[in-house]
C-alpha atoms as a PDB file:
ATOM      1  CA  UNK A   1      88.590 308.473 140.542  1.00  0.00           C
ATOM      2  CA  UNK A   2      86.555 308.573 143.391  1.00  0.00           C
ATOM      3  CA  UNK A   3      89.190 310.045 145.831  1.00  0.00           C
ATOM      4  CA  UNK A   4      90.307 312.307 143.436  1.00  0.00           C
ATOM      5  CA  UNK A   5      86.432 313.978 142.680  1.00  0.00           C
ATOM      6  CA  UNK A   6      85.935 314.327 146.545  1.00  0.00           C
ATOM      7  CA  UNK A   7      89.439 316.043 146.967  1.00  0.00           C
ATOM      8  CA  UNK A   8      88.480 318.548 144.078  1.00  0.00           C
ATOM      9  CA  UNK A   9      85.070 319.101 145.868  1.00  0.00           C
ATOM     10  CA  UNK A  10      86.774 319.391 149.267  1.00  0.00           C
ATOM     11  CA  UNK A  11      87.718 322.859 148.232  1.00  0.00           C
ATOM     12  CA  UNK A  12      84.316 324.039 148.756  1.00  0.00           C
ATOM     13  CA  UNK A  13      83.766 321.490 151.473  1.00  0.00           C
ATOM     14  CA  UNK A  14      86.744 321.682 153.628  1.00  0.00           C
ATOM     15  CA  UNK A  15      84.635 321.480 156.843  1.00  0.00           C
ATOM     16  CA  UNK A  16      83.426 317.643 155.982  1.00  0.00           C
ATOM     17  CA  UNK A  17      84.539 315.303 158.670  1.00  0.00           C
ATOM     18  CA  UNK A  18      85.201 312.456 155.858  1.00  0.00           C
ATOM     19  CA  UNK A  19      87.539 314.546 153.974  1.00  0.00           C
ATOM     20  CA  UNK A  20      90.406 313.534 156.477  1.00  0.00           C
ATOM     21  CA  UNK A  21      90.214 309.945 155.391  1.00  0.00           C
ATOM     22  CA  UNK A  22      89.896 310.762 151.815  1.00  0.00           C
ATOM     23  CA  UNK A  23      92.969 312.879 152.037  1.00  0.00           C
ATOM     24  CA  UNK A  24      94.954 309.842 153.795  1.00  0.00           C
ATOM     25  CA  UNK A  25      93.845 307.707 150.932  1.00  0.00           C
ATOM     26  CA  UNK A  26      95.311 310.039 148.586  1.00  0.00           C
ATOM     27  CA  UNK A  27      98.495 310.308 150.236  1.00  0.00           C
ATOM     28  CA  UNK A  28      98.700 306.529 150.569  1.00  0.00           C
ATOM     29  CA  UNK A  29      97.951 306.239 146.556  1.00  0.00           C
ATOM     30  CA  UNK A  30     100.732 308.772 145.931  1.00  0.00           C
ATOM     31  CA  UNK A  31     103.182 306.716 148.353  1.00  0.00           C
ATOM     32  CA  UNK A  32     102.443 303.676 146.145  1.00  0.00           C
ATOM     33  CA  UNK A  33     103.630 305.713 142.902  1.00  0.00           C
ATOM     34  CA  UNK A  34     106.658 306.807 145.111  1.00  0.00           C
ATOM     35  CA  UNK A  35     107.434 303.288 145.699  1.00  0.00           C
ATOM     36  CA  UNK A  36     106.888 302.178 141.959  1.00  0.00           C
ATOM     37  CA  UNK A  37     109.513 305.190 141.008  1.00  0.00           C
ATOM     38  CA  UNK A  38     112.112 303.195 142.491  1.00  0.00           C
ATOM     39  CA  UNK A  39     111.704 300.255 140.374  1.00  0.00           C
ATOM     40  CA  UNK A  40     111.235 302.488 137.414  1.00  0.00           C
ATOM     41  CA  UNK A  41     114.239 304.604 137.654  1.00  0.00           C
ATOM     42  CA  UNK A  42     116.352 301.330 137.132  1.00  0.00           C
ATOM     43  CA  UNK A  43     115.280 301.900 133.349  1.00  0.00           C
ATOM     44  CA  UNK A  44     116.511 305.144 132.925  1.00  0.00           C
ATOM     45  CA  UNK A  45     120.009 306.873 132.154  1.00  0.00           C
ATOM     46  CA  UNK A  46     120.456 310.354 133.779  1.00  0.00           C
ATOM     47  CA  UNK A  47     122.797 312.956 134.929  1.00  0.00           C
ATOM     48  CA  UNK A  48     123.096 313.500 138.836  1.00  0.00           C
ATOM     49  CA  UNK A  49     124.713 316.071 140.788  1.00  0.00           C
ATOM     50  CA  UNK A  50     125.162 315.316 144.581  1.00  0.00           C
ATOM     51  CA  UNK A  51     126.425 318.475 146.964  1.00  0.00           C
ATOM     52  CA  UNK A  52     127.125 318.231 150.722  1.00  0.00           C
ATOM     53  CA  UNK A  53     127.451 320.996 152.899  1.00  0.00           C
ATOM     54  CA  UNK A  54     129.105 320.396 156.051  1.00  0.00           C
ATOM     55  CA  UNK A  55     128.522 322.849 159.237  1.00  0.00           C
ATOM     56  CA  UNK A  56     130.066 323.466 162.487  1.00  0.00           C
ATOM     57  CA  UNK A  57     127.643 323.176 165.541  1.00  0.00           C
ATOM     58  CA  UNK A  58     127.137 326.943 165.349  1.00  0.00           C
ATOM     59  CA  UNK A  59     126.016 326.913 161.807  1.00  0.00           C
ATOM     60  CA  UNK A  60     129.238 328.116 160.196  1.00  0.00           C
ATOM     61  CA  UNK A  61     129.759 326.539 156.592  1.00  0.00           C
ATOM     62  CA  UNK A  62     132.936 324.338 156.955  1.00  0.00           C
ATOM     63  CA  UNK A  63     133.269 322.794 153.507  1.00  0.00           C
ATOM     64  CA  UNK A  64     131.378 322.165 150.342  1.00  0.00           C
ATOM     65  CA  UNK A  65     131.929 319.104 148.047  1.00  0.00           C
ATOM     66  CA  UNK A  66     130.185 318.112 144.937  1.00  0.00           C
ATOM     67  CA  UNK A  67     129.994 315.223 142.587  1.00  0.00           C
ATOM     68  CA  UNK A  68     128.570 314.663 138.657  1.00  0.00           C
ATOM     69  CA  UNK A  69     127.735 311.416 137.714  1.00  0.00           C
ATOM     70  CA  UNK A  70     126.425 309.830 134.242  1.00  0.00           C
ATOM     71  CA  UNK A  71     124.204 307.052 134.352  1.00  0.00           C
ATOM     72  CA  UNK A  72     124.147 305.111 131.086  1.00  0.00           C
ATOM     73  CA  UNK A  73     123.370 301.870 129.226  1.00  0.00           C
ATOM     74  CA  UNK A  74     126.284 299.752 128.303  1.00  0.00           C
ATOM     75  CA  UNK A  75     126.272 296.209 127.039  1.00  0.00           C
ATOM     76  CA  UNK A  76     122.542 296.114 128.005  1.00  0.00           C
ATOM     77  CA  UNK A  77     123.321 297.086 131.854  1.00  0.00           C
ATOM     78  CA  UNK A  78     123.379 300.545 133.388  1.00  0.00           C
ATOM     79  CA  UNK A  79     126.286 301.673 134.501  1.00  0.00           C
ATOM     80  CA  UNK A  80     127.409 304.849 136.435  1.00  0.00           C
ATOM     81  CA  UNK A  81     130.616 306.830 135.859  1.00  0.00           C
ATOM     82  CA  UNK A  82     131.917 309.697 137.857  1.00  0.00           C
ATOM     83  CA  UNK A  83     132.394 312.920 135.327  1.00  0.00           C
ATOM     84  CA  UNK A  84     133.382 315.778 137.768  1.00  0.00           C
ATOM     85  CA  UNK A  85     134.429 316.301 141.370  1.00  0.00           C
ATOM     86  CA  UNK A  86     133.684 319.834 142.725  1.00  0.00           C
ATOM     87  CA  UNK A  87     133.165 321.252 139.534  1.00  0.00           C
ATOM     88  CA  UNK A  88     136.084 319.873 137.886  1.00  0.00           C
ATOM     89  CA  UNK A  89     136.727 317.103 135.325  1.00  0.00           C
ATOM     90  CA  UNK A  90     138.255 313.962 137.462  1.00  0.00           C
ATOM     91  CA  UNK A  91     141.850 313.345 136.630  1.00  0.00           C
ATOM     92  CA  UNK A  92     142.565 311.228 133.467  1.00  0.00           C
ATOM     93  CA  UNK A  93     144.527 308.758 135.634  1.00  0.00           C
ATOM     94  CA  UNK A  94     141.482 308.011 137.929  1.00  0.00           C
ATOM     95  CA  UNK A  95     139.099 307.963 135.028  1.00  0.00           C
ATOM     96  CA  UNK A  96     141.236 305.080 133.335  1.00  0.00           C
ATOM     97  CA  UNK A  97     141.430 303.215 136.941  1.00  0.00           C
ATOM     98  CA  UNK A  98     137.235 303.730 137.150  1.00  0.00           C
ATOM     99  CA  UNK A  99     137.043 302.173 133.496  1.00  0.00           C
ATOM    100  CA  UNK A 100     138.891 299.254 134.455  1.00  0.00           C
ATOM    101  CA  UNK A 101     136.962 298.588 137.714  1.00  0.00           C
ATOM    102  CA  UNK A 102     133.807 299.029 135.339  1.00  0.00           C
ATOM    103  CA  UNK A 103     134.672 296.577 132.730  1.00  0.00           C
ATOM    104  CA  UNK A 104     135.691 294.043 135.285  1.00  0.00           C
ATOM    105  CA  UNK A 105     132.294 294.536 137.092  1.00  0.00           C
ATOM    106  CA  UNK A 106     130.530 294.285 133.756  1.00  0.00           C
ATOM    107  CA  UNK A 107     132.305 291.227 132.767  1.00  0.00           C
ATOM    108  CA  UNK A 108     131.236 289.563 136.087  1.00  0.00           C
ATOM    109  CA  UNK A 109     127.512 290.474 135.271  1.00  0.00           C
ATOM    110  CA  UNK A 110     127.829 288.981 131.852  1.00  0.00           C
ATOM    111  CA  UNK A 111     128.747 285.926 133.277  1.00  0.00           C
ATOM    112  CA  UNK A 112     125.816 285.342 135.162  1.00  0.00           C
ATOM    113  CA  UNK A 113     122.588 283.715 134.013  1.00  0.00           C
ATOM    114  CA  UNK A 114     119.293 285.211 133.582  1.00  0.00           C
ATOM    115  CA  UNK A 115     118.017 283.328 136.489  1.00  0.00           C
ATOM    116  CA  UNK A 116     121.112 284.478 138.714  1.00  0.00           C
ATOM    117  CA  UNK A 117     120.600 288.086 137.245  1.00  0.00           C
ATOM    118  CA  UNK A 118     117.122 288.097 138.513  1.00  0.00           C
ATOM    119  CA  UNK A 119     117.582 286.835 141.813  1.00  0.00           C
ATOM    120  CA  UNK A 120     120.211 289.443 142.293  1.00  0.00           C
ATOM    121  CA  UNK A 121     117.643 292.322 141.110  1.00  0.00           C
ATOM    122  CA  UNK A 122     114.979 290.571 143.555  1.00  0.00           C
ATOM    123  CA  UNK A 123     117.590 290.626 146.958  1.00  0.00           C
ATOM    124  CA  UNK A 124     118.254 294.461 146.038  1.00  0.00           C
ATOM    125  CA  UNK A 125     114.424 295.443 145.965  1.00  0.00           C
ATOM    126  CA  UNK A 126     114.338 293.405 148.923  1.00  0.00           C
ATOM    127  CA  UNK A 127     117.050 295.305 150.813  1.00  0.00           C
ATOM    128  CA  UNK A 128     115.474 298.616 149.568  1.00  0.00           C
ATOM    129  CA  UNK A 129     111.991 297.704 150.917  1.00  0.00           C
ATOM    130  CA  UNK A 130     113.627 296.750 154.224  1.00  0.00           C
ATOM    131  CA  UNK A 131     115.350 300.163 154.349  1.00  0.00           C
ATOM    132  CA  UNK A 132     112.331 302.050 153.220  1.00  0.00           C
ATOM    133  CA  UNK A 133     109.667 300.151 155.540  1.00  0.00           C
ATOM    134  CA  UNK A 134     109.350 303.176 157.818  1.00  0.00           C
ATOM    135  CA  UNK A 135     108.099 305.107 155.123  1.00  0.00           C
ATOM    136  CA  UNK A 136     105.176 303.258 154.988  1.00  0.00           C
ATOM    137  CA  UNK A 137     103.775 304.465 157.856  1.00  0.00           C
ATOM    138  CA  UNK A 138     103.674 307.909 156.438  1.00  0.00           C
ATOM    139  CA  UNK A 139     100.053 307.917 155.390  1.00  0.00           C
ATOM    140  CA  UNK A 140      98.791 307.008 159.073  1.00  0.00           C
ATOM    141  CA  UNK A 141     101.007 308.751 161.264  1.00  0.00           C
ATOM    142  CA  UNK A 142     100.087 312.114 160.185  1.00  0.00           C
ATOM    143  CA  UNK A 143      96.896 314.092 159.724  1.00  0.00           C
ATOM    144  CA  UNK A 144      96.443 316.215 156.366  1.00  0.00           C
ATOM    145  CA  UNK A 145      94.295 319.123 155.942  1.00  0.00           C
ATOM    146  CA  UNK A 146      93.598 320.624 152.379  1.00  0.00           C
ATOM    147  CA  UNK A 147      94.858 324.079 152.178  1.00  0.00           C
ATOM    148  CA  UNK A 148      94.676 325.066 148.561  1.00  0.00           C
ATOM    149  CA  UNK A 149      96.293 324.517 145.129  1.00  0.00           C
ATOM    150  CA  UNK A 150      99.286 325.431 143.018  1.00  0.00           C
ATOM    151  CA  UNK A 151     100.606 324.957 139.599  1.00  0.00           C
ATOM    152  CA  UNK A 152     104.042 322.907 139.478  1.00  0.00           C
ATOM    153  CA  UNK A 153     105.790 322.520 136.019  1.00  0.00           C
ATOM    154  CA  UNK A 154     102.191 323.591 134.228  1.00  0.00           C
ATOM    155  CA  UNK A 155     100.498 320.895 136.110  1.00  0.00           C
ATOM    156  CA  UNK A 156      97.728 321.556 139.140  1.00  0.00           C
ATOM    157  CA  UNK A 157      98.538 320.139 142.386  1.00  0.00           C
ATOM    158  CA  UNK A 158      96.744 319.838 145.397  1.00  0.00           C
ATOM    159  CA  UNK A 159      98.506 321.224 148.622  1.00  0.00           C
ATOM    160  CA  UNK A 160      97.983 319.470 151.999  1.00  0.00           C
ATOM    161  CA  UNK A 161      99.516 320.367 155.362  1.00  0.00           C
ATOM    162  CA  UNK A 162     100.539 317.577 157.308  1.00  0.00           C
ATOM    163  CA  UNK A 163     100.938 317.810 161.101  1.00  0.00           C
ATOM    164  CA  UNK A 164     101.580 314.692 163.767  1.00  0.00           C
ATOM    165  CA  UNK A 165      98.435 312.202 164.119  1.00  0.00           C
ATOM    166  CA  UNK A 166      97.497 312.465 167.989  1.00  0.00           C
ATOM    167  CA  UNK A 167      97.736 308.936 169.763  1.00  0.00           C
ATOM    168  CA  UNK A 168      99.618 307.286 166.752  1.00  0.00           C
ATOM    169  CA  UNK A 169     102.081 304.703 167.894  1.00  0.00           C
ATOM    170  CA  UNK A 170     104.979 303.936 165.221  1.00  0.00           C
ATOM    171  CA  UNK A 171     105.613 300.486 164.356  1.00  0.00           C
ATOM    172  CA  UNK A 172     108.805 301.142 163.200  1.00  0.00           C
ATOM    173  CA  UNK A 173     111.547 302.780 165.205  1.00  0.00           C
ATOM    174  CA  UNK A 174     112.653 305.194 162.459  1.00  0.00           C
ATOM    175  CA  UNK A 175     108.642 306.152 162.234  1.00  0.00           C
ATOM    176  CA  UNK A 176     109.182 307.909 165.286  1.00  0.00           C
ATOM    177  CA  UNK A 177     110.407 311.159 163.356  1.00  0.00           C
ATOM    178  CA  UNK A 178     106.826 311.519 162.242  1.00  0.00           C
ATOM    179  CA  UNK A 179     105.664 312.123 165.983  1.00  0.00           C
ATOM    180  CA  UNK A 180     107.820 315.631 165.890  1.00  0.00           C
ATOM    181  CA  UNK A 181     107.225 316.645 161.895  1.00  0.00           C
ATOM    182  CA  UNK A 182     105.114 319.012 160.178  1.00  0.00           C
ATOM    183  CA  UNK A 183     105.023 320.035 156.549  1.00  0.00           C
ATOM    184  CA  UNK A 184     103.239 320.478 153.055  1.00  0.00           C
ATOM    185  CA  UNK A 185     102.638 317.867 150.456  1.00  0.00           C
ATOM    186  CA  UNK A 186     101.980 318.767 146.855  1.00  0.00           C
ATOM    187  CA  UNK A 187     100.066 315.841 144.991  1.00  0.00           C
ATOM    188  CA  UNK A 188      99.405 316.049 141.162  1.00  0.00           C
ATOM    189  CA  UNK A 189      95.505 316.107 140.472  1.00  0.00           C
ATOM    190  CA  UNK A 190      95.738 314.530 137.183  1.00  0.00           C
ATOM    191  CA  UNK A 191      98.020 311.483 138.079  1.00  0.00           C
ATOM    192  CA  UNK A 192      97.330 311.501 142.132  1.00  0.00           C
ATOM    193  CA  UNK A 193     101.427 311.283 142.396  1.00  0.00           C
ATOM    194  CA  UNK A 194     103.553 313.128 144.858  1.00  0.00           C
ATOM    195  CA  UNK A 195     104.949 315.922 143.140  1.00  0.00           C
ATOM    196  CA  UNK A 196     106.668 317.772 145.917  1.00  0.00           C
ATOM    197  CA  UNK A 197     106.885 317.881 149.580  1.00  0.00           C
ATOM    198  CA  UNK A 198     108.514 319.908 152.418  1.00  0.00           C
ATOM    199  CA  UNK A 199     108.842 318.766 155.927  1.00  0.00           C
ATOM    200  CA  UNK A 200     110.638 320.088 158.891  1.00  0.00           C
ATOM    201  CA  UNK A 201     111.670 318.243 162.708  1.00  0.00           C
ATOM    202  CA  UNK A 202     110.117 320.767 165.364  1.00  0.00           C
ATOM    203  CA  UNK A 203     111.499 319.188 168.279  1.00  0.00           C
ATOM    204  CA  UNK A 204     114.285 316.577 169.094  1.00  0.00           C
ATOM    205  CA  UNK A 205     113.689 312.798 168.052  1.00  0.00           C
ATOM    206  CA  UNK A 206     115.620 309.982 170.103  1.00  0.00           C
ATOM    207  CA  UNK A 207     115.721 306.966 168.385  1.00  0.00           C
ATOM    208  CA  UNK A 208     116.101 304.177 171.283  1.00  0.00           C
ATOM    209  CA  UNK A 209     116.316 306.384 174.305  1.00  0.00           C
ATOM    210  CA  UNK A 210     119.084 308.319 172.162  1.00  0.00           C
ATOM    211  CA  UNK A 211     121.278 305.330 172.229  1.00  0.00           C
ATOM    212  CA  UNK A 212     120.794 304.582 168.415  1.00  0.00           C
ATOM    213  CA  UNK A 213     120.610 308.112 167.205  1.00  0.00           C
ATOM    214  CA  UNK A 214     119.000 311.624 167.719  1.00  0.00           C
ATOM    215  CA  UNK A 215     117.563 313.870 165.006  1.00  0.00           C
ATOM    216  CA  UNK A 216     117.566 317.543 166.134  1.00  0.00           C
ATOM    217  CA  UNK A 217     114.914 320.308 166.074  1.00  0.00           C
ATOM    218  CA  UNK A 218     115.336 322.154 162.699  1.00  0.00           C
ATOM    219  CA  UNK A 219     115.965 319.352 160.527  1.00  0.00           C
ATOM    220  CA  UNK A 220     114.494 319.901 157.166  1.00  0.00           C
ATOM    221  CA  UNK A 221     113.537 317.606 153.960  1.00  0.00           C
ATOM    222  CA  UNK A 222     112.410 318.841 150.757  1.00  0.00           C
ATOM    223  CA  UNK A 223     111.429 316.331 147.706  1.00  0.00           C
ATOM    224  CA  UNK A 224     110.388 317.347 144.118  1.00  0.00           C
ATOM    225  CA  UNK A 225     109.468 314.974 141.579  1.00  0.00           C
ATOM    226  CA  UNK A 226     108.691 315.405 137.830  1.00  0.00           C
ATOM    227  CA  UNK A 227     106.665 313.630 135.260  1.00  0.00           C
ATOM    228  CA  UNK A 228     108.968 311.791 132.688  1.00  0.00           C
ATOM    229  CA  UNK A 229     106.366 309.690 130.888  1.00  0.00           C
ATOM    230  CA  UNK A 230     102.952 308.386 131.125  1.00  0.00           C
ATOM    231  CA  UNK A 231     102.359 307.641 134.680  1.00  0.00           C
ATOM    232  CA  UNK A 232     106.302 307.991 135.590  1.00  0.00           C
ATOM    233  CA  UNK A 233     107.697 310.409 137.989  1.00  0.00           C
ATOM    234  CA  UNK A 234     111.355 310.380 139.261  1.00  0.00           C
ATOM    235  CA  UNK A 235     113.344 312.529 141.238  1.00  0.00           C
ATOM    236  CA  UNK A 236     114.196 315.929 140.291  1.00  0.00           C
ATOM    237  CA  UNK A 237     115.541 317.330 143.461  1.00  0.00           C
ATOM    238  CA  UNK A 238     116.183 315.873 147.128  1.00  0.00           C
ATOM    239  CA  UNK A 239     117.745 318.038 150.146  1.00  0.00           C
ATOM    240  CA  UNK A 240     117.944 317.244 153.347  1.00  0.00           C
ATOM    241  CA  UNK A 241     119.609 319.763 156.087  1.00  0.00           C
ATOM    242  CA  UNK A 242     120.115 317.883 159.498  1.00  0.00           C
ATOM    243  CA  UNK A 243     121.708 318.119 162.772  1.00  0.00           C
ATOM    244  CA  UNK A 244     122.003 314.325 164.097  1.00  0.00           C
ATOM    245  CA  UNK A 245     124.110 312.344 166.466  1.00  0.00           C
ATOM    246  CA  UNK A 246     124.645 308.649 165.864  1.00  0.00           C
ATOM    247  CA  UNK A 247     125.587 305.919 168.604  1.00  0.00           C
ATOM    248  CA  UNK A 248     126.009 308.451 171.162  1.00  0.00           C
ATOM    249  CA  UNK A 249     129.387 309.378 169.481  1.00  0.00           C
ATOM    250  CA  UNK A 250     129.257 311.214 166.018  1.00  0.00           C
ATOM    251  CA  UNK A 251     127.444 314.314 165.475  1.00  0.00           C
ATOM    252  CA  UNK A 252     126.776 315.565 162.146  1.00  0.00           C
ATOM    253  CA  UNK A 253     125.582 319.088 160.610  1.00  0.00           C
ATOM    254  CA  UNK A 254     125.226 318.553 156.921  1.00  0.00           C
ATOM    255  CA  UNK A 255     123.066 319.613 154.009  1.00  0.00           C
ATOM    256  CA  UNK A 256     122.915 317.013 151.018  1.00  0.00           C
ATOM    257  CA  UNK A 257     121.247 317.872 147.766  1.00  0.00           C
ATOM    258  CA  UNK A 258     120.646 316.193 144.922  1.00  0.00           C
ATOM    259  CA  UNK A 259     119.727 317.022 141.579  1.00  0.00           C
ATOM    260  CA  UNK A 260     118.735 314.672 138.640  1.00  0.00           C
ATOM    261  CA  UNK A 261     117.939 315.615 135.303  1.00  0.00           C
ATOM    262  CA  UNK A 262     118.394 314.359 131.660  1.00  0.00           C
ATOM    263  CA  UNK A 263     115.878 311.419 131.974  1.00  0.00           C
ATOM    264  CA  UNK A 264     116.407 308.853 129.064  1.00  0.00           C
ATOM    265  CA  UNK A 265     114.760 305.645 129.095  1.00  0.00           C
ATOM    266  CA  UNK A 266     116.797 302.541 127.976  1.00  0.00           C
ATOM    267  CA  UNK A 267     114.993 302.032 124.930  1.00  0.00           C
ATOM    268  CA  UNK A 268     116.015 305.723 123.775  1.00  0.00           C
ATOM    269  CA  UNK A 269     119.622 305.083 124.658  1.00  0.00           C
ATOM    270  CA  UNK A 270     119.877 301.740 122.898  1.00  0.00           C
ATOM    271  CA  UNK A 271     118.100 303.007 119.776  1.00  0.00           C
ATOM    272  CA  UNK A 272     120.676 305.826 119.872  1.00  0.00           C
ATOM    273  CA  UNK A 273     123.532 303.773 120.314  1.00  0.00           C
ATOM    274  CA  UNK A 274     122.478 301.829 117.393  1.00  0.00           C
ATOM    275  CA  UNK A 275     122.044 304.386 115.219  1.00  0.00           C
ATOM    276  CA  UNK A 276     124.148 304.755 111.915  1.00  0.00           C
END
């Protein structure tokens, strides 16, 4: 509440030197909410459409592919089914084969003890934490400036401009990208949650002196989240358009967009399934 009150006052007192620290604290708080969403989404059913566009090195569109998947509760477990590919229902033969694989997987999960299930969930969370460790540097790797307010989905949000923080040395190799990133962050005023963010790589970033990989200038990131319940914000759209090279061998020029909707908590889906 202290940080929120200071930020609201910052619109009239933007010249105060201590505002930068308050903004950084708010970004850190919103990042914590982002981490929590990865846990909460495990209890939600939804529809998700993923689209991948492939470009040539000259920026010409080569191909577009898409997948529609439905995540739902079945026998106490959340399962995911492929519904469409490239806008068309999957063939019946493929659907039946997928169902056989799914039932086999469910049988394996049902055979596990509660302790084994818990251990597996903890291992999955640990892998996710390790994979996203570089994101924890986001609040400290950039400087933030309050530039205004905007209403998103009927809710007021603060707009923060982000630029590289001079002198910051990344701890994680992947966090080097923050040295060449600028963008904006929208933070919901009431919940202090990340509502939207956009960023652009303004200069080429070499990972491991270019041996491990390279992210080229012009790569763009976008994320929008929505409030689906009290203090629960989940992804609505995520887009990344990038030019990159992996291990000095493969160059990639792609745009990946994921849209998610029709969120339903497992308690809602369970109640609907048991209704007469």
